[in-house]
């Protein structure tokens, strides 16, 4: 059984649908982008539209955008997530989620600690 199928089954066993969980949608979109399935990655990105009121929906859209090579969009989405109260330093900005942005100057500026 594929990892996403296992995760979906686990969520359902806990009474939640995968489309209700931004982290599931974001991770699924990243996996699709890494596989080169741009259409599937964009479909997960679109499903996150309904989660934008909270910073986690925007955060997960940013992760997908980063892996699709849309660096400017990813940074804009992260900025919007931060404006909604998401902590930049709680994002794991040095994790593999943001590997495509590590050396991107606007991303570095966004995550640089401010005084």
N, C-alpha and C. Protein backbone atom coordinates (compact mmCIF):
# COMPACT_ATOMS: atom_id res chain seq x y z
N UNK A 1 0.85 -1.18 0.00
CA UNK A 1 0.00 0.00 0.00
C UNK A 1 0.89 1.24 0.00
N UNK A 2 0.54 2.21 -0.82
CA UNK A 2 1.32 3.43 -0.92
C UNK A 2 1.17 4.26 0.36
N UNK A 3 2.19 5.09 0.61
CA UNK A 3 2.21 5.92 1.82
C UNK A 3 0.96 6.79 1.93
N UNK A 4 0.55 7.44 0.85
CA UNK A 4 -0.63 8.30 0.92
C UNK A 4 -1.90 7.52 1.21
N UNK A 5 -1.97 6.30 0.69
CA UNK A 5 -3.13 5.46 0.99
C UNK A 5 -3.17 5.09 2.47
N UNK A 6 -2.01 4.80 3.03
CA UNK A 6 -1.92 4.47 4.45
C UNK A 6 -2.32 5.69 5.27
N UNK A 7 -1.81 6.87 4.90
CA UNK A 7 -2.15 8.09 5.63
C UNK A 7 -3.65 8.38 5.53
N UNK A 8 -4.23 8.22 4.34
CA UNK A 8 -5.67 8.43 4.16
C UNK A 8 -6.48 7.49 5.04
N UNK A 9 -6.10 6.23 5.04
CA UNK A 9 -6.82 5.24 5.85
C UNK A 9 -6.70 5.57 7.34
N UNK A 10 -5.53 6.02 7.76
CA UNK A 10 -5.32 6.38 9.16
C UNK A 10 -6.19 7.57 9.56
N UNK A 11 -6.27 8.57 8.70
CA UNK A 11 -7.12 9.73 8.99
C UNK A 11 -8.59 9.32 9.07
N UNK A 12 -9.02 8.51 8.13
CA UNK A 12 -10.42 8.07 8.13
C UNK A 12 -10.75 7.24 9.37
N UNK A 13 -9.79 6.45 9.82
CA UNK A 13 -10.00 5.66 11.03
C UNK A 13 -10.18 6.56 12.25
N UNK A 14 -9.67 7.77 12.16
CA UNK A 14 -9.80 8.74 13.25
C UNK A 14 -10.96 9.70 13.02
N UNK A 15 -11.78 9.40 12.01
CA UNK A 15 -12.96 10.21 11.76
C UNK A 15 -12.72 11.49 10.99
N UNK A 16 -11.60 11.58 10.27
CA UNK A 16 -11.29 12.78 9.49
C UNK A 16 -11.10 12.40 8.04
N UNK A 17 -11.54 13.27 7.17
CA UNK A 17 -11.31 13.07 5.75
C UNK A 17 -9.99 13.75 5.37
N UNK A 18 -9.20 13.15 4.49
CA UNK A 18 -7.92 13.74 4.10
C UNK A 18 -8.03 15.18 3.59
N UNK A 19 -9.12 15.51 2.88
CA UNK A 19 -9.28 16.87 2.37
C UNK A 19 -9.50 17.89 3.48
N UNK A 20 -9.72 17.44 4.71
CA UNK A 20 -9.88 18.33 5.85
C UNK A 20 -8.55 18.68 6.50
N UNK A 21 -7.48 18.04 6.06
CA UNK A 21 -6.18 18.16 6.74
C UNK A 21 -5.17 18.82 5.80
N UNK A 22 -4.88 20.11 6.00
CA UNK A 22 -3.96 20.81 5.11
C UNK A 22 -2.59 20.13 4.98
N UNK A 23 -2.07 19.59 6.06
CA UNK A 23 -0.76 18.93 5.97
C UNK A 23 -0.81 17.74 5.03
N UNK A 24 -1.90 16.98 5.04
CA UNK A 24 -2.04 15.85 4.12
C UNK A 24 -2.07 16.36 2.68
N UNK A 25 -2.87 17.39 2.42
CA UNK A 25 -2.98 17.94 1.07
C UNK A 25 -1.64 18.50 0.60
N UNK A 26 -0.97 19.23 1.48
CA UNK A 26 0.33 19.81 1.12
C UNK A 26 1.37 18.74 0.84
N UNK A 27 1.44 17.75 1.71
CA UNK A 27 2.41 16.67 1.51
C UNK A 27 2.11 15.89 0.23
N UNK A 28 0.85 15.66 -0.03
CA UNK A 28 0.46 14.95 -1.25
C UNK A 28 0.85 15.76 -2.48
N UNK A 29 0.65 17.07 -2.42
CA UNK A 29 1.02 17.94 -3.53
C UNK A 29 2.52 17.96 -3.77
N UNK A 30 3.29 17.97 -2.69
CA UNK A 30 4.76 17.94 -2.82
C UNK A 30 5.20 16.63 -3.45
N UNK A 31 4.64 15.53 -3.00
CA UNK A 31 5.00 14.22 -3.57
C UNK A 31 4.70 14.20 -5.06
N UNK A 32 3.54 14.72 -5.43
CA UNK A 32 3.18 14.77 -6.85
C UNK A 32 4.17 15.64 -7.63
N UNK A 33 4.52 16.80 -7.07
CA UNK A 33 5.47 17.69 -7.75
C UNK A 33 6.83 17.02 -7.92
N UNK A 34 7.30 16.35 -6.90
CA UNK A 34 8.60 15.66 -6.97
C UNK A 34 8.55 14.55 -8.02
N UNK A 35 7.42 13.87 -8.13
CA UNK A 35 7.25 12.83 -9.14
C UNK A 35 7.15 13.42 -10.55
N UNK A 36 6.96 14.74 -10.64
CA UNK A 36 6.82 15.38 -11.94
C UNK A 36 5.39 15.45 -12.43
N UNK A 37 4.43 15.13 -11.56
CA UNK A 37 3.02 15.18 -11.92
C UNK A 37 2.46 16.55 -11.56
N UNK A 38 2.71 17.51 -12.43
CA UNK A 38 2.31 18.89 -12.19
C UNK A 38 0.80 19.04 -12.05
N UNK A 39 0.04 18.33 -12.87
CA UNK A 39 -1.42 18.43 -12.80
C UNK A 39 -1.95 17.97 -11.44
N UNK A 40 -1.44 16.87 -10.95
CA UNK A 40 -1.89 16.38 -9.64
C UNK A 40 -1.46 17.34 -8.54
N UNK A 41 -0.22 17.85 -8.62
CA UNK A 41 0.26 18.79 -7.61
C UNK A 41 -0.63 20.03 -7.57
N UNK A 42 -1.00 20.53 -8.75
CA UNK A 42 -1.87 21.72 -8.81
C UNK A 42 -3.28 21.41 -8.28
N UNK A 43 -3.72 20.19 -8.46
CA UNK A 43 -5.04 19.80 -7.94
C UNK A 43 -5.03 19.86 -6.40
N UNK A 44 -3.95 19.38 -5.78
CA UNK A 44 -3.84 19.47 -4.32
C UNK A 44 -3.73 20.93 -3.90
N UNK A 45 -3.00 21.72 -4.65
CA UNK A 45 -2.87 23.15 -4.38
C UNK A 45 -4.26 23.79 -4.36
N UNK A 46 -5.06 23.48 -5.36
CA UNK A 46 -6.42 24.05 -5.45
C UNK A 46 -7.30 23.60 -4.29
N UNK A 47 -7.16 22.37 -3.86
CA UNK A 47 -7.97 21.89 -2.73
C UNK A 47 -7.66 22.66 -1.45
N UNK A 48 -6.46 23.23 -1.38
CA UNK A 48 -6.08 24.00 -0.20
C UNK A 48 -6.71 25.39 -0.16
N UNK A 49 -7.35 25.80 -1.25
CA UNK A 49 -7.99 27.13 -1.29
C UNK A 49 -8.96 27.31 -0.12
N UNK A 50 -9.69 26.27 0.22
CA UNK A 50 -10.68 26.39 1.29
C UNK A 50 -10.05 26.46 2.67
N UNK A 51 -8.76 26.27 2.77
CA UNK A 51 -8.06 26.31 4.07
C UNK A 51 -7.24 27.58 4.24
N UNK A 52 -7.46 28.59 3.40
CA UNK A 52 -6.63 29.78 3.44
C UNK A 52 -6.92 30.71 4.62
N UNK A 53 -8.05 30.56 5.27
CA UNK A 53 -8.34 31.43 6.40
C UNK A 53 -7.33 31.22 7.52
N UNK A 54 -6.83 30.03 7.62
CA UNK A 54 -5.78 29.73 8.59
C UNK A 54 -4.44 29.71 7.85
N UNK A 55 -3.42 30.06 8.53
CA UNK A 55 -2.10 30.10 7.91
C UNK A 55 -1.62 28.77 7.38
N UNK A 56 -2.14 27.65 7.94
CA UNK A 56 -1.64 26.35 7.50
C UNK A 56 -2.03 26.03 6.06
N UNK A 57 -3.17 26.51 5.59
CA UNK A 57 -3.53 26.30 4.19
C UNK A 57 -2.58 27.03 3.26
N UNK A 58 -2.29 28.28 3.60
CA UNK A 58 -1.36 29.08 2.80
C UNK A 58 0.05 28.48 2.85
N UNK A 59 0.45 28.04 4.04
CA UNK A 59 1.76 27.41 4.21
C UNK A 59 1.90 26.20 3.28
N UNK A 60 0.88 25.36 3.26
CA UNK A 60 0.95 24.15 2.43
C UNK A 60 0.88 24.47 0.94
N UNK A 61 0.15 25.50 0.56
CA UNK A 61 0.18 25.95 -0.83
C UNK A 61 1.59 26.42 -1.19
N UNK A 62 2.23 27.11 -0.25
CA UNK A 62 3.60 27.60 -0.50
C UNK A 62 4.56 26.44 -0.72
N UNK A 63 4.41 25.39 0.07
CA UNK A 63 5.29 24.23 -0.06
C UNK A 63 5.12 23.61 -1.45
N UNK A 64 3.89 23.47 -1.89
CA UNK A 64 3.65 22.91 -3.23
C UNK A 64 4.23 23.83 -4.29
N UNK A 65 3.96 25.13 -4.18
CA UNK A 65 4.48 26.09 -5.16
C UNK A 65 6.00 26.02 -5.22
N UNK A 66 6.65 25.91 -4.09
CA UNK A 66 8.12 25.82 -4.06
C UNK A 66 8.60 24.62 -4.87
N UNK A 67 7.94 23.49 -4.70
CA UNK A 67 8.36 22.28 -5.40
C UNK A 67 7.94 22.26 -6.87
N UNK A 68 7.05 23.16 -7.25
CA UNK A 68 6.71 23.32 -8.66
C UNK A 68 7.61 24.36 -9.33
N UNK A 69 8.54 24.92 -8.55
CA UNK A 69 9.47 25.91 -9.10
C UNK A 69 8.92 27.32 -9.11
N UNK A 70 7.80 27.55 -8.46
CA UNK A 70 7.17 28.87 -8.41
C UNK A 70 7.62 29.60 -7.14
N UNK A 71 8.88 30.00 -7.14
CA UNK A 71 9.51 30.55 -5.94
C UNK A 71 8.87 31.85 -5.49
N UNK A 72 8.60 32.77 -6.42
CA UNK A 72 7.99 34.05 -6.03
C UNK A 72 6.63 33.82 -5.37
N UNK A 73 5.83 32.95 -5.97
CA UNK A 73 4.51 32.63 -5.42
C UNK A 73 4.66 32.02 -4.03
N UNK A 74 5.60 31.10 -3.87
CA UNK A 74 5.81 30.45 -2.58
C UNK A 74 6.13 31.47 -1.50
N UNK A 75 7.00 32.42 -1.80
CA UNK A 75 7.37 33.44 -0.81
C UNK A 75 6.19 34.35 -0.50
N UNK A 76 5.41 34.72 -1.52
CA UNK A 76 4.22 35.55 -1.27
C UNK A 76 3.23 34.82 -0.37
N UNK A 77 3.01 33.55 -0.64
CA UNK A 77 2.09 32.77 0.19
C UNK A 77 2.59 32.66 1.63
N UNK A 78 3.88 32.47 1.80
CA UNK A 78 4.43 32.41 3.16
C UNK A 78 4.26 33.73 3.88
N UNK A 79 4.45 34.83 3.16
CA UNK A 79 4.22 36.15 3.75
C UNK A 79 2.78 36.32 4.20
N UNK A 80 1.84 35.85 3.38
CA UNK A 80 0.42 35.93 3.74
C UNK A 80 0.12 35.04 4.95
N UNK A 81 0.73 33.86 4.99
CA UNK A 81 0.53 32.96 6.13
C UNK A 81 1.04 33.62 7.41
N UNK A 82 2.19 34.26 7.32
CA UNK A 82 2.76 34.96 8.47
C UNK A 82 1.83 36.09 8.92
N UNK A 83 1.26 36.82 7.97
CA UNK A 83 0.33 37.91 8.29
C UNK A 83 -0.92 37.39 9.00
N UNK A 84 -1.26 36.12 8.78
CA UNK A 84 -2.42 35.51 9.44
C UNK A 84 -2.03 34.90 10.79
N UNK A 85 -0.79 35.13 11.21
CA UNK A 85 -0.37 34.69 12.52
C UNK A 85 0.50 33.46 12.57
N UNK A 86 0.81 32.89 11.42
CA UNK A 86 1.70 31.72 11.41
C UNK A 86 3.11 32.17 11.74
N UNK A 87 3.79 31.42 12.56
CA UNK A 87 5.16 31.75 12.96
C UNK A 87 6.13 31.28 11.89
N UNK A 88 6.93 32.20 11.39
CA UNK A 88 7.93 31.84 10.37
C UNK A 88 8.88 30.78 10.90
N UNK A 89 9.32 30.94 12.13
CA UNK A 89 10.32 30.01 12.66
C UNK A 89 9.70 28.68 13.10
N UNK A 90 8.41 28.60 13.17
CA UNK A 90 7.74 27.34 13.47
C UNK A 90 7.50 26.51 12.22
N UNK A 91 7.86 27.03 11.07
CA UNK A 91 7.59 26.36 9.80
C UNK A 91 8.60 25.29 9.46
N UNK A 92 9.71 25.24 10.16
CA UNK A 92 10.76 24.32 9.74
C UNK A 92 11.33 24.76 8.41
N UNK A 93 11.59 26.08 8.32
CA UNK A 93 12.05 26.65 7.05
C UNK A 93 13.36 26.05 6.57
N UNK A 94 14.07 25.33 7.44
CA UNK A 94 15.31 24.68 7.01
C UNK A 94 15.08 23.20 6.72
N UNK A 95 13.81 22.79 6.66
CA UNK A 95 13.49 21.39 6.36
C UNK A 95 13.45 21.18 4.85
N UNK A 96 13.30 19.93 4.47
CA UNK A 96 13.21 19.59 3.06
C UNK A 96 11.99 20.18 2.37
N UNK A 97 10.97 20.53 3.16
CA UNK A 97 9.80 21.18 2.56
C UNK A 97 10.21 22.39 1.73
N UNK A 98 11.21 23.12 2.21
CA UNK A 98 11.60 24.35 1.54
C UNK A 98 12.96 24.27 0.84
N UNK A 99 13.44 23.06 0.60
CA UNK A 99 14.72 22.89 -0.08
C UNK A 99 14.82 23.71 -1.37
N UNK A 100 13.77 23.78 -2.18
CA UNK A 100 13.90 24.57 -3.42
C UNK A 100 14.10 26.07 -3.17
N UNK A 101 13.84 26.52 -1.94
CA UNK A 101 13.96 27.95 -1.63
C UNK A 101 15.18 28.30 -0.79
N UNK A 102 15.93 27.32 -0.33
CA UNK A 102 17.01 27.58 0.60
C UNK A 102 17.96 28.69 0.14
N UNK A 103 18.30 28.70 -1.12
CA UNK A 103 19.25 29.69 -1.62
C UNK A 103 18.58 30.85 -2.35
N UNK A 104 17.29 30.99 -2.20
CA UNK A 104 16.53 32.04 -2.86
C UNK A 104 16.48 33.26 -1.94
N UNK A 105 17.06 34.36 -2.40
CA UNK A 105 17.23 35.55 -1.56
C UNK A 105 15.92 36.05 -0.92
N UNK A 106 14.81 36.16 -1.64
CA UNK A 106 13.58 36.62 -0.99
C UNK A 106 13.12 35.69 0.15
N UNK A 107 13.34 34.40 -0.01
CA UNK A 107 12.99 33.46 1.05
C UNK A 107 13.91 33.68 2.26
N UNK A 108 15.20 33.81 2.00
CA UNK A 108 16.14 34.05 3.08
C UNK A 108 15.80 35.32 3.86
N UNK A 109 15.38 36.35 3.13
CA UNK A 109 14.98 37.60 3.78
C UNK A 109 13.73 37.38 4.64
N UNK A 110 12.79 36.63 4.15
CA UNK A 110 11.55 36.37 4.88
C UNK A 110 11.81 35.63 6.18
N UNK A 111 12.69 34.65 6.17
CA UNK A 111 12.91 33.82 7.36
C UNK A 111 14.01 34.34 8.27
N UNK A 112 14.72 35.38 7.83
CA UNK A 112 15.77 35.96 8.67
C UNK A 112 15.13 36.53 9.94
N UNK A 113 15.67 36.18 11.11
CA UNK A 113 15.10 36.72 12.36
C UNK A 113 15.16 38.25 12.35
N UNK A 114 14.07 38.86 12.75
CA UNK A 114 13.97 40.31 12.82
C UNK A 114 14.14 40.74 14.27
N UNK A 115 14.72 41.90 14.43
CA UNK A 115 14.88 42.41 15.80
C UNK A 115 13.74 43.27 16.21
